[in-house]
């Protein structure tokens, strides 16, 4: 049996924020980071996001070249065309996603949680199809402001009840 070529490319991207005062005393922000190719272990530090894109492009280009080396010229052309379409889309969308994440990380977290919820629903549906019954799985969601207010009210009530109990215990201990 022929060994299937590795067709996976995973990357770990880490950002570090440095806030500092410039020579004029104004606050400045500098973003730095590190990207790692999981399968190969190669990594690179960056201060410019273009370096991240170049790193990823290089790894994916290598992967694509390996994937097409034994294909016919027509198949090679088709595969390359599809890859170029992907890169056009990534070139347009990735900077927007990064900027949105930096501007509103909570919104991005909610989006990730929503995607996890959709994956959970898909898995639950597949399990239900195989087992003939639905598994009960608690929803994972962000606490809302009303949840927080309810919790705060309960804690305040508990605190008041404890104060009342302490007063009664003090009265009883005086007798």
N, C-alpha and C. Protein backbone atom coordinates (compact mmCIF):
# COMPACT_ATOMS: atom_id res chain seq x y z
N UNK A 1 0.85 -1.18 0.00
CA UNK A 1 0.00 0.00 0.00
C UNK A 1 0.89 1.24 0.00
N UNK A 2 0.62 2.15 -0.92
CA UNK A 2 1.43 3.37 -1.03
C UNK A 2 1.12 4.30 0.14
N UNK A 3 2.15 4.94 0.66
CA UNK A 3 1.97 5.86 1.77
C UNK A 3 1.41 7.18 1.24
N UNK A 4 0.36 7.64 1.87
CA UNK A 4 -0.28 8.90 1.48
C UNK A 4 0.60 10.07 1.93
N UNK A 5 0.76 11.04 1.05
CA UNK A 5 1.56 12.21 1.40
C UNK A 5 0.85 13.02 2.48
N UNK A 6 1.64 13.66 3.32
CA UNK A 6 1.08 14.52 4.36
C UNK A 6 0.48 15.75 3.69
N UNK A 7 -0.82 15.93 3.86
CA UNK A 7 -1.51 17.05 3.22
C UNK A 7 -1.97 18.10 4.23
N UNK A 8 -1.38 18.06 5.40
CA UNK A 8 -1.82 18.96 6.46
C UNK A 8 -0.75 20.01 6.73
N UNK A 9 -1.21 21.21 6.93
CA UNK A 9 -0.32 22.30 7.36
C UNK A 9 -1.03 23.04 8.47
N UNK A 10 -0.48 22.97 9.66
CA UNK A 10 -1.05 23.66 10.82
C UNK A 10 -0.03 24.67 11.32
N UNK A 11 -0.54 25.77 11.82
CA UNK A 11 0.32 26.83 12.31
C UNK A 11 -0.15 27.30 13.67
N UNK A 12 0.80 27.62 14.53
CA UNK A 12 0.49 28.23 15.81
C UNK A 12 0.99 29.66 15.71
N UNK A 13 0.08 30.59 15.96
CA UNK A 13 0.40 32.01 15.83
C UNK A 13 0.23 32.66 17.21
N UNK A 14 1.29 33.30 17.69
CA UNK A 14 1.25 33.96 19.00
C UNK A 14 1.53 35.44 18.81
N UNK A 15 0.72 36.26 19.48
CA UNK A 15 0.93 37.70 19.45
C UNK A 15 1.37 38.17 20.82
N UNK A 16 2.25 39.16 20.85
CA UNK A 16 2.68 39.80 22.09
C UNK A 16 2.53 41.31 21.88
N UNK A 17 1.93 41.96 22.85
CA UNK A 17 1.73 43.40 22.76
C UNK A 17 2.72 44.10 23.68
N UNK A 18 3.38 45.10 23.16
CA UNK A 18 4.30 45.89 23.97
C UNK A 18 3.80 47.34 23.94
N UNK A 19 3.46 47.86 25.12
CA UNK A 19 3.03 49.25 25.24
C UNK A 19 4.18 50.02 25.88
N UNK A 20 4.56 51.13 25.26
CA UNK A 20 5.70 51.90 25.75
C UNK A 20 5.49 53.38 25.48
N UNK A 21 6.34 54.21 26.09
CA UNK A 21 6.30 55.66 25.88
C UNK A 21 7.35 56.03 24.84
N UNK A 22 6.95 56.81 23.84
CA UNK A 22 7.94 57.25 22.86
C UNK A 22 8.73 58.43 23.43
N UNK A 23 9.64 58.99 22.63
CA UNK A 23 10.48 60.08 23.11
C UNK A 23 9.69 61.31 23.53
N UNK A 24 8.49 61.47 22.96
CA UNK A 24 7.64 62.61 23.28
C UNK A 24 6.71 62.31 24.46
N UNK A 25 6.83 61.12 25.06
CA UNK A 25 6.02 60.75 26.21
C UNK A 25 4.64 60.21 25.87
N UNK A 26 4.39 59.98 24.59
CA UNK A 26 3.09 59.45 24.18
C UNK A 26 3.13 57.92 24.18
N UNK A 27 2.01 57.33 24.57
CA UNK A 27 1.92 55.87 24.58
C UNK A 27 1.91 55.31 23.16
N UNK A 28 2.68 54.28 22.96
CA UNK A 28 2.77 53.59 21.68
C UNK A 28 2.51 52.11 21.90
N UNK A 29 2.05 51.45 20.86
CA UNK A 29 1.81 50.01 20.92
C UNK A 29 2.59 49.35 19.80
N UNK A 30 3.26 48.27 20.13
CA UNK A 30 3.96 47.48 19.12
C UNK A 30 3.53 46.03 19.28
N UNK A 31 3.13 45.45 18.16
CA UNK A 31 2.75 44.04 18.17
C UNK A 31 3.90 43.23 17.62
N UNK A 32 4.22 42.17 18.31
CA UNK A 32 5.24 41.23 17.88
C UNK A 32 4.62 39.85 17.95
N UNK A 33 5.33 38.88 17.43
CA UNK A 33 4.79 37.54 17.54
C UNK A 33 5.73 36.48 17.06
N UNK A 34 5.17 35.30 17.03
CA UNK A 34 5.91 34.12 16.63
C UNK A 34 4.94 33.21 15.90
N UNK A 35 5.38 32.64 14.80
CA UNK A 35 4.57 31.67 14.08
C UNK A 35 5.38 30.38 13.99
N UNK A 36 4.68 29.27 14.16
CA UNK A 36 5.34 27.97 14.10
C UNK A 36 4.56 27.06 13.17
N UNK A 37 5.28 26.36 12.30
CA UNK A 37 4.70 25.32 11.46
C UNK A 37 4.72 24.04 12.29
N UNK A 38 3.53 23.54 12.61
CA UNK A 38 3.42 22.43 13.56
C UNK A 38 4.09 21.17 13.03
N UNK A 39 3.82 20.80 11.79
CA UNK A 39 4.35 19.54 11.26
C UNK A 39 5.87 19.56 11.13
N UNK A 40 6.44 20.66 10.70
CA UNK A 40 7.88 20.72 10.49
C UNK A 40 8.66 21.27 11.67
N UNK A 41 7.97 21.98 12.57
CA UNK A 41 8.64 22.56 13.73
C UNK A 41 9.36 23.87 13.44
N UNK A 42 9.37 24.31 12.19
CA UNK A 42 10.02 25.59 11.87
C UNK A 42 9.23 26.72 12.51
N UNK A 43 9.96 27.74 12.99
CA UNK A 43 9.29 28.90 13.54
C UNK A 43 10.02 30.17 13.18
N UNK A 44 9.28 31.26 13.27
CA UNK A 44 9.85 32.55 12.90
C UNK A 44 9.21 33.63 13.77
N UNK A 45 10.02 34.55 14.26
CA UNK A 45 9.52 35.72 14.98
C UNK A 45 9.16 36.79 13.96
N UNK A 46 8.21 37.65 14.31
CA UNK A 46 7.83 38.71 13.38
C UNK A 46 7.41 39.96 14.13
N UNK A 47 7.56 41.10 13.46
CA UNK A 47 7.00 42.36 13.93
C UNK A 47 6.07 42.93 12.88
N UNK A 48 6.08 42.32 11.70
CA UNK A 48 5.24 42.75 10.60
C UNK A 48 4.40 41.55 10.15
N UNK A 49 3.08 41.73 10.06
CA UNK A 49 2.20 40.61 9.72
C UNK A 49 2.49 40.07 8.32
N UNK A 50 3.06 40.88 7.45
CA UNK A 50 3.44 40.39 6.11
C UNK A 50 4.42 39.22 6.21
N UNK A 51 5.27 39.23 7.23
CA UNK A 51 6.22 38.13 7.42
C UNK A 51 5.48 36.83 7.76
N UNK A 52 4.36 36.95 8.48
CA UNK A 52 3.54 35.78 8.80
C UNK A 52 2.96 35.20 7.51
N UNK A 53 2.41 36.08 6.69
CA UNK A 53 1.80 35.64 5.43
C UNK A 53 2.85 34.96 4.54
N UNK A 54 4.03 35.55 4.46
CA UNK A 54 5.10 34.95 3.64
C UNK A 54 5.51 33.58 4.17
N UNK A 55 5.59 33.44 5.49
CA UNK A 55 5.95 32.17 6.12
C UNK A 55 4.91 31.10 5.77
N UNK A 56 3.65 31.44 5.94
CA UNK A 56 2.57 30.49 5.63
C UNK A 56 2.56 30.16 4.15
N UNK A 57 2.69 31.18 3.31
CA UNK A 57 2.70 30.94 1.87
C UNK A 57 3.82 29.99 1.47
N UNK A 58 4.99 30.17 2.07
CA UNK A 58 6.12 29.30 1.74
C UNK A 58 5.84 27.85 2.09
N UNK A 59 5.30 27.63 3.29
CA UNK A 59 4.99 26.26 3.71
C UNK A 59 3.89 25.64 2.85
N UNK A 60 2.86 26.43 2.54
CA UNK A 60 1.77 25.89 1.72
C UNK A 60 2.20 25.69 0.27
N UNK A 61 3.11 26.54 -0.20
CA UNK A 61 3.63 26.35 -1.56
C UNK A 61 4.41 25.04 -1.64
N UNK A 62 5.21 24.76 -0.62
CA UNK A 62 5.95 23.49 -0.59
C UNK A 62 4.98 22.31 -0.58
N UNK A 63 3.94 22.42 0.22
CA UNK A 63 2.94 21.35 0.32
C UNK A 63 2.23 21.14 -1.02
N UNK A 64 1.91 22.24 -1.69
CA UNK A 64 1.23 22.16 -2.98
C UNK A 64 2.14 21.53 -4.03
N UNK A 65 3.39 21.94 -4.05
CA UNK A 65 4.33 21.38 -5.03
C UNK A 65 4.51 19.88 -4.83
N UNK A 66 4.54 19.45 -3.57
CA UNK A 66 4.63 18.00 -3.30
C UNK A 66 3.37 17.29 -3.78
N UNK A 67 2.23 17.93 -3.62
CA UNK A 67 0.96 17.30 -3.97
C UNK A 67 0.77 17.16 -5.48
N UNK A 68 1.40 18.04 -6.25
CA UNK A 68 1.18 18.00 -7.70
C UNK A 68 2.31 17.34 -8.49
N UNK A 69 3.37 16.93 -7.81
CA UNK A 69 4.54 16.44 -8.54
C UNK A 69 4.26 15.22 -9.41
N UNK A 70 3.29 14.39 -9.02
CA UNK A 70 2.99 13.20 -9.82
C UNK A 70 1.67 13.32 -10.59
N UNK A 71 1.17 14.55 -10.76
CA UNK A 71 -0.09 14.79 -11.47
C UNK A 71 0.18 15.18 -12.91
N UNK A 72 -0.85 15.03 -13.73
CA UNK A 72 -0.75 15.44 -15.14
C UNK A 72 -0.71 16.96 -15.20
N UNK A 73 -0.22 17.51 -16.32
CA UNK A 73 -0.17 18.98 -16.44
C UNK A 73 -1.55 19.64 -16.26
N UNK A 74 -2.62 18.98 -16.75
CA UNK A 74 -3.96 19.55 -16.59
C UNK A 74 -4.36 19.59 -15.12
N UNK A 75 -4.07 18.50 -14.40
CA UNK A 75 -4.41 18.45 -12.98
C UNK A 75 -3.58 19.47 -12.20
N UNK A 76 -2.31 19.60 -12.57
CA UNK A 76 -1.45 20.58 -11.91
C UNK A 76 -2.01 21.99 -12.07
N UNK A 77 -2.43 22.31 -13.29
CA UNK A 77 -2.96 23.64 -13.58
C UNK A 77 -4.23 23.90 -12.77
N UNK A 78 -5.09 22.90 -12.68
CA UNK A 78 -6.34 23.03 -11.92
C UNK A 78 -6.07 23.22 -10.43
N UNK A 79 -5.16 22.43 -9.88
CA UNK A 79 -4.83 22.52 -8.46
C UNK A 79 -4.21 23.88 -8.15
N UNK A 80 -3.31 24.33 -9.00
CA UNK A 80 -2.67 25.64 -8.77
C UNK A 80 -3.68 26.78 -8.87
N UNK A 81 -4.61 26.68 -9.82
CA UNK A 81 -5.63 27.72 -9.96
C UNK A 81 -6.48 27.81 -8.69
N UNK A 82 -6.85 26.66 -8.12
CA UNK A 82 -7.64 26.66 -6.89
C UNK A 82 -6.84 27.25 -5.73
N UNK A 83 -5.55 26.95 -5.68
CA UNK A 83 -4.70 27.52 -4.63
C UNK A 83 -4.61 29.04 -4.76
N UNK A 84 -4.47 29.52 -5.98
CA UNK A 84 -4.39 30.97 -6.18
C UNK A 84 -5.68 31.66 -5.75
N UNK A 85 -6.82 31.04 -6.01
CA UNK A 85 -8.11 31.60 -5.57
C UNK A 85 -8.15 31.69 -4.04
N UNK A 86 -7.68 30.64 -3.38
CA UNK A 86 -7.64 30.66 -1.92
C UNK A 86 -6.77 31.81 -1.43
N UNK A 87 -5.61 31.99 -2.04
CA UNK A 87 -4.71 33.06 -1.59
C UNK A 87 -5.26 34.44 -1.87
N UNK A 88 -6.00 34.59 -2.95
CA UNK A 88 -6.64 35.89 -3.21
C UNK A 88 -7.61 36.20 -2.08
N UNK A 89 -8.41 35.21 -1.72
CA UNK A 89 -9.39 35.39 -0.65
C UNK A 89 -8.69 35.68 0.68
N UNK A 90 -7.65 34.93 0.97
CA UNK A 90 -6.92 35.14 2.23
C UNK A 90 -6.27 36.52 2.26
N UNK A 91 -5.74 36.96 1.13
CA UNK A 91 -5.10 38.27 1.08
C UNK A 91 -6.09 39.38 1.39
N UNK A 92 -7.35 39.18 0.99
CA UNK A 92 -8.37 40.18 1.25
C UNK A 92 -8.95 40.08 2.66
N UNK A 93 -9.17 38.87 3.13
CA UNK A 93 -9.90 38.66 4.39
C UNK A 93 -9.02 38.63 5.64
N UNK A 94 -7.83 38.06 5.56
CA UNK A 94 -7.02 37.88 6.77
C UNK A 94 -6.70 39.19 7.48
N UNK A 95 -6.27 40.24 6.79
CA UNK A 95 -6.00 41.49 7.52
C UNK A 95 -7.25 42.02 8.23
N UNK A 96 -8.42 41.85 7.61
CA UNK A 96 -9.66 42.30 8.24
C UNK A 96 -9.92 41.51 9.52
N UNK A 97 -9.73 40.19 9.46
CA UNK A 97 -9.96 39.33 10.63
C UNK A 97 -9.02 39.70 11.76
N UNK A 98 -7.75 39.90 11.44
CA UNK A 98 -6.77 40.26 12.48
C UNK A 98 -7.14 41.60 13.10
N UNK A 99 -7.48 42.58 12.29
CA UNK A 99 -7.84 43.89 12.82
C UNK A 99 -9.10 43.82 13.66
N UNK A 100 -10.10 43.06 13.21
CA UNK A 100 -11.33 42.89 13.98
C UNK A 100 -11.03 42.26 15.34
N UNK A 101 -10.14 41.27 15.35
CA UNK A 101 -9.79 40.59 16.59
C UNK A 101 -9.10 41.56 17.54
N UNK A 102 -8.21 42.37 17.02
CA UNK A 102 -7.50 43.32 17.87
C UNK A 102 -8.43 44.40 18.39
N UNK A 103 -9.42 44.79 17.57
CA UNK A 103 -10.36 45.84 17.99
C UNK A 103 -11.37 45.31 18.99
N UNK A 104 -11.91 44.11 18.75
CA UNK A 104 -12.99 43.59 19.59
C UNK A 104 -12.79 42.10 19.84
N UNK A 105 -11.87 41.75 20.76
CA UNK A 105 -11.60 40.33 21.00
C UNK A 105 -12.81 39.57 21.53
N UNK A 106 -13.70 40.25 22.28
CA UNK A 106 -14.88 39.57 22.83
C UNK A 106 -15.79 39.09 21.69
N UNK A 107 -15.96 39.94 20.68
CA UNK A 107 -16.79 39.56 19.53
C UNK A 107 -16.21 38.34 18.83
N UNK A 108 -14.89 38.32 18.68
CA UNK A 108 -14.25 37.19 18.02
C UNK A 108 -14.38 35.93 18.87
N UNK A 109 -14.28 36.06 20.19
CA UNK A 109 -14.45 34.91 21.07
C UNK A 109 -15.87 34.36 20.94
N UNK A 110 -16.84 35.25 20.89
CA UNK A 110 -18.23 34.81 20.72
C UNK A 110 -18.40 34.07 19.39
N UNK A 111 -17.73 34.55 18.36
CA UNK A 111 -17.81 33.90 17.05
C UNK A 111 -17.19 32.50 17.11
N UNK A 112 -16.06 32.37 17.78
CA UNK A 112 -15.42 31.06 17.94
C UNK A 112 -16.33 30.14 18.74
N UNK A 113 -16.93 30.65 19.81
CA UNK A 113 -17.83 29.84 20.61
C UNK A 113 -19.04 29.40 19.79
N UNK A 114 -19.52 30.27 18.92
CA UNK A 114 -20.65 29.91 18.05
C UNK A 114 -20.23 28.80 17.09
N UNK A 115 -19.02 28.89 16.54
CA UNK A 115 -18.53 27.84 15.66
C UNK A 115 -18.39 26.52 16.40
N UNK A 116 -17.90 26.58 17.64
CA UNK A 116 -17.79 25.35 18.45
C UNK A 116 -19.18 24.77 18.69
N UNK A 117 -20.15 25.63 18.95
CA UNK A 117 -21.53 25.18 19.14
C UNK A 117 -22.07 24.48 17.90
N UNK A 118 -21.75 25.03 16.72
CA UNK A 118 -22.19 24.41 15.47
C UNK A 118 -21.52 23.05 15.28
N UNK A 119 -20.25 22.96 15.60
CA UNK A 119 -19.55 21.68 15.51
C UNK A 119 -20.18 20.68 16.47
N UNK A 120 -20.47 21.14 17.69
CA UNK A 120 -21.13 20.29 18.69
C UNK A 120 -22.47 19.78 18.15
N UNK A 121 -23.24 20.66 17.52
CA UNK A 121 -24.53 20.26 16.95
C UNK A 121 -24.33 19.20 15.86
N UNK A 122 -23.32 19.39 15.01
CA UNK A 122 -23.05 18.42 13.94
C UNK A 122 -22.66 17.06 14.52
N UNK A 123 -21.80 17.08 15.54
CA UNK A 123 -21.38 15.83 16.17
C UNK A 123 -22.57 15.15 16.84
N UNK A 124 -23.37 15.95 17.55
CA UNK A 124 -24.56 15.39 18.22
C UNK A 124 -25.50 14.76 17.22
N UNK A 125 -25.66 15.42 16.08
CA UNK A 125 -26.55 14.89 15.03
C UNK A 125 -26.02 13.56 14.50
N UNK A 126 -24.71 13.47 14.27
CA UNK A 126 -24.12 12.21 13.78
C UNK A 126 -24.27 11.10 14.81
N UNK A 127 -24.09 11.44 16.10
CA UNK A 127 -24.26 10.44 17.16
C UNK A 127 -25.71 9.98 17.19
N UNK A 128 -26.62 10.95 17.07
CA UNK A 128 -28.04 10.61 17.09
C UNK A 128 -28.40 9.69 15.93
N UNK A 129 -27.83 9.95 14.76
CA UNK A 129 -28.10 9.10 13.59
C UNK A 129 -27.61 7.68 13.82
N UNK A 130 -26.45 7.55 14.47
CA UNK A 130 -25.89 6.21 14.71
C UNK A 130 -26.56 5.48 15.86
N UNK A 131 -26.85 6.19 16.95
CA UNK A 131 -27.40 5.54 18.14
C UNK A 131 -28.92 5.54 18.18
N UNK A 132 -29.53 6.39 17.38
CA UNK A 132 -30.98 6.47 17.37
C UNK A 132 -31.54 7.32 18.49
N UNK A 133 -30.68 8.00 19.25
CA UNK A 133 -31.15 8.90 20.30
C UNK A 133 -30.21 10.08 20.43
N UNK A 134 -30.76 11.18 20.89
CA UNK A 134 -29.97 12.41 21.05
C UNK A 134 -29.33 12.42 22.43
N UNK A 135 -28.06 12.80 22.47
CA UNK A 135 -27.36 12.94 23.75
C UNK A 135 -27.58 14.35 24.28
N UNK A 136 -27.84 14.46 25.55
CA UNK A 136 -28.02 15.77 26.17
C UNK A 136 -26.66 16.37 26.45
N UNK A 137 -26.37 17.49 25.83
CA UNK A 137 -25.11 18.19 26.04
C UNK A 137 -25.44 19.62 26.44
N UNK A 138 -24.88 20.06 27.55
CA UNK A 138 -25.12 21.43 28.00
C UNK A 138 -24.58 22.41 26.97
N UNK A 139 -25.34 23.49 26.78
CA UNK A 139 -24.88 24.54 25.86
C UNK A 139 -23.73 25.29 26.51
N UNK A 140 -22.77 25.64 25.67
CA UNK A 140 -21.65 26.44 26.12
C UNK A 140 -21.87 27.83 25.56
N UNK A 141 -22.06 28.78 26.45
CA UNK A 141 -22.33 30.13 25.99
C UNK A 141 -21.68 31.13 26.93
N UNK A 142 -21.57 32.33 26.44
CA UNK A 142 -21.01 33.41 27.24
C UNK A 142 -22.09 33.88 28.21
N UNK A 143 -21.72 34.16 29.45
CA UNK A 143 -22.69 34.69 30.41
C UNK A 143 -23.15 36.06 29.95
N UNK A 144 -24.44 36.27 30.03
CA UNK A 144 -24.98 37.57 29.63
C UNK A 144 -24.94 38.53 30.82
N UNK A 145 -25.24 39.79 30.56
CA UNK A 145 -25.29 40.77 31.64
C UNK A 145 -26.39 40.42 32.63
N UNK A 146 -27.52 39.91 32.11
CA UNK A 146 -28.60 39.55 33.03
C UNK A 146 -28.19 38.37 33.91
N UNK A 147 -27.42 37.40 33.35
CA UNK A 147 -26.90 36.30 34.17
C UNK A 147 -26.01 36.85 35.29
N UNK A 148 -25.18 37.79 34.93
CA UNK A 148 -24.26 38.39 35.90
C UNK A 148 -25.05 39.13 36.98
N UNK A 149 -26.08 39.89 36.58
CA UNK A 149 -26.90 40.64 37.54
C UNK A 149 -27.66 39.69 38.47
N UNK A 150 -28.17 38.59 37.93
CA UNK A 150 -28.87 37.60 38.75
C UNK A 150 -27.91 37.00 39.78
N UNK A 151 -26.73 36.66 39.32
CA UNK A 151 -25.73 36.08 40.22
C UNK A 151 -25.34 37.08 41.30
N UNK A 152 -25.15 38.32 40.91
CA UNK A 152 -24.81 39.37 41.87
C UNK A 152 -25.92 39.56 42.90
N UNK A 153 -27.18 39.53 42.46
CA UNK A 153 -28.32 39.66 43.37
C UNK A 153 -28.37 38.48 44.34
N UNK A 154 -28.11 37.28 43.84
CA UNK A 154 -28.10 36.10 44.71
C UNK A 154 -26.99 36.17 45.75
N UNK A 155 -25.83 36.61 45.33
CA UNK A 155 -24.71 36.76 46.27
C UNK A 155 -25.04 37.82 47.32
N UNK A 156 -25.66 38.92 46.90
CA UNK A 156 -26.04 39.97 47.85
C UNK A 156 -27.09 39.44 48.84
N UNK A 157 -28.08 38.68 48.36
CA UNK A 157 -29.09 38.09 49.24
C UNK A 157 -28.44 37.12 50.22
N UNK A 158 -27.54 36.31 49.71
CA UNK A 158 -26.84 35.36 50.57
C UNK A 158 -26.04 36.11 51.65
N UNK A 159 -25.40 37.18 51.27
CA UNK A 159 -24.63 37.98 52.22
C UNK A 159 -25.55 38.58 53.29
N UNK A 160 -26.71 39.09 52.88
CA UNK A 160 -27.67 39.65 53.84
C UNK A 160 -28.20 38.56 54.77
N UNK A 161 -28.51 37.40 54.23
CA UNK A 161 -28.98 36.28 55.06
C UNK A 161 -27.91 35.86 56.07
N UNK A 162 -26.67 35.85 55.63
CA UNK A 162 -25.57 35.50 56.54
C UNK A 162 -25.45 36.54 57.65
N UNK A 163 -25.61 37.81 57.32
CA UNK A 163 -25.53 38.87 58.33
C UNK A 163 -26.66 38.70 59.35
N UNK A 164 -27.86 38.39 58.86
CA UNK A 164 -29.01 38.16 59.75
C UNK A 164 -28.74 36.98 60.67
N UNK A 165 -28.24 35.88 60.09
CA UNK A 165 -27.92 34.71 60.89
C UNK A 165 -26.85 35.01 61.94
N UNK A 166 -25.84 35.75 61.54
CA UNK A 166 -24.78 36.13 62.50
C UNK A 166 -25.35 36.94 63.65
N UNK A 167 -26.27 37.84 63.35
CA UNK A 167 -26.90 38.65 64.40
C UNK A 167 -27.66 37.77 65.37
N UNK A 168 -28.43 36.82 64.84
CA UNK A 168 -29.20 35.92 65.68
C UNK A 168 -28.29 35.03 66.54
N UNK A 169 -27.20 34.55 65.95
CA UNK A 169 -26.24 33.74 66.71
C UNK A 169 -25.63 34.58 67.83
N UNK A 170 -25.29 35.84 67.54
CA UNK A 170 -24.74 36.73 68.56
C UNK A 170 -25.76 36.93 69.71
N UNK A 171 -27.03 37.11 69.35
CA UNK A 171 -28.07 37.29 70.37
C UNK A 171 -28.18 36.04 71.23
N UNK A 172 -28.18 34.88 70.60
CA UNK A 172 -28.29 33.62 71.33
C UNK A 172 -27.09 33.37 72.24
N UNK A 173 -25.93 33.77 71.77
CA UNK A 173 -24.73 33.54 72.57
C UNK A 173 -24.68 34.47 73.79
N UNK A 174 -25.39 35.59 73.74
CA UNK A 174 -25.43 36.52 74.87
C UNK A 174 -26.35 36.01 75.98
N UNK A 175 -27.27 35.16 75.63
CA UNK A 175 -28.25 34.64 76.62
C UNK A 175 -27.69 33.58 77.48
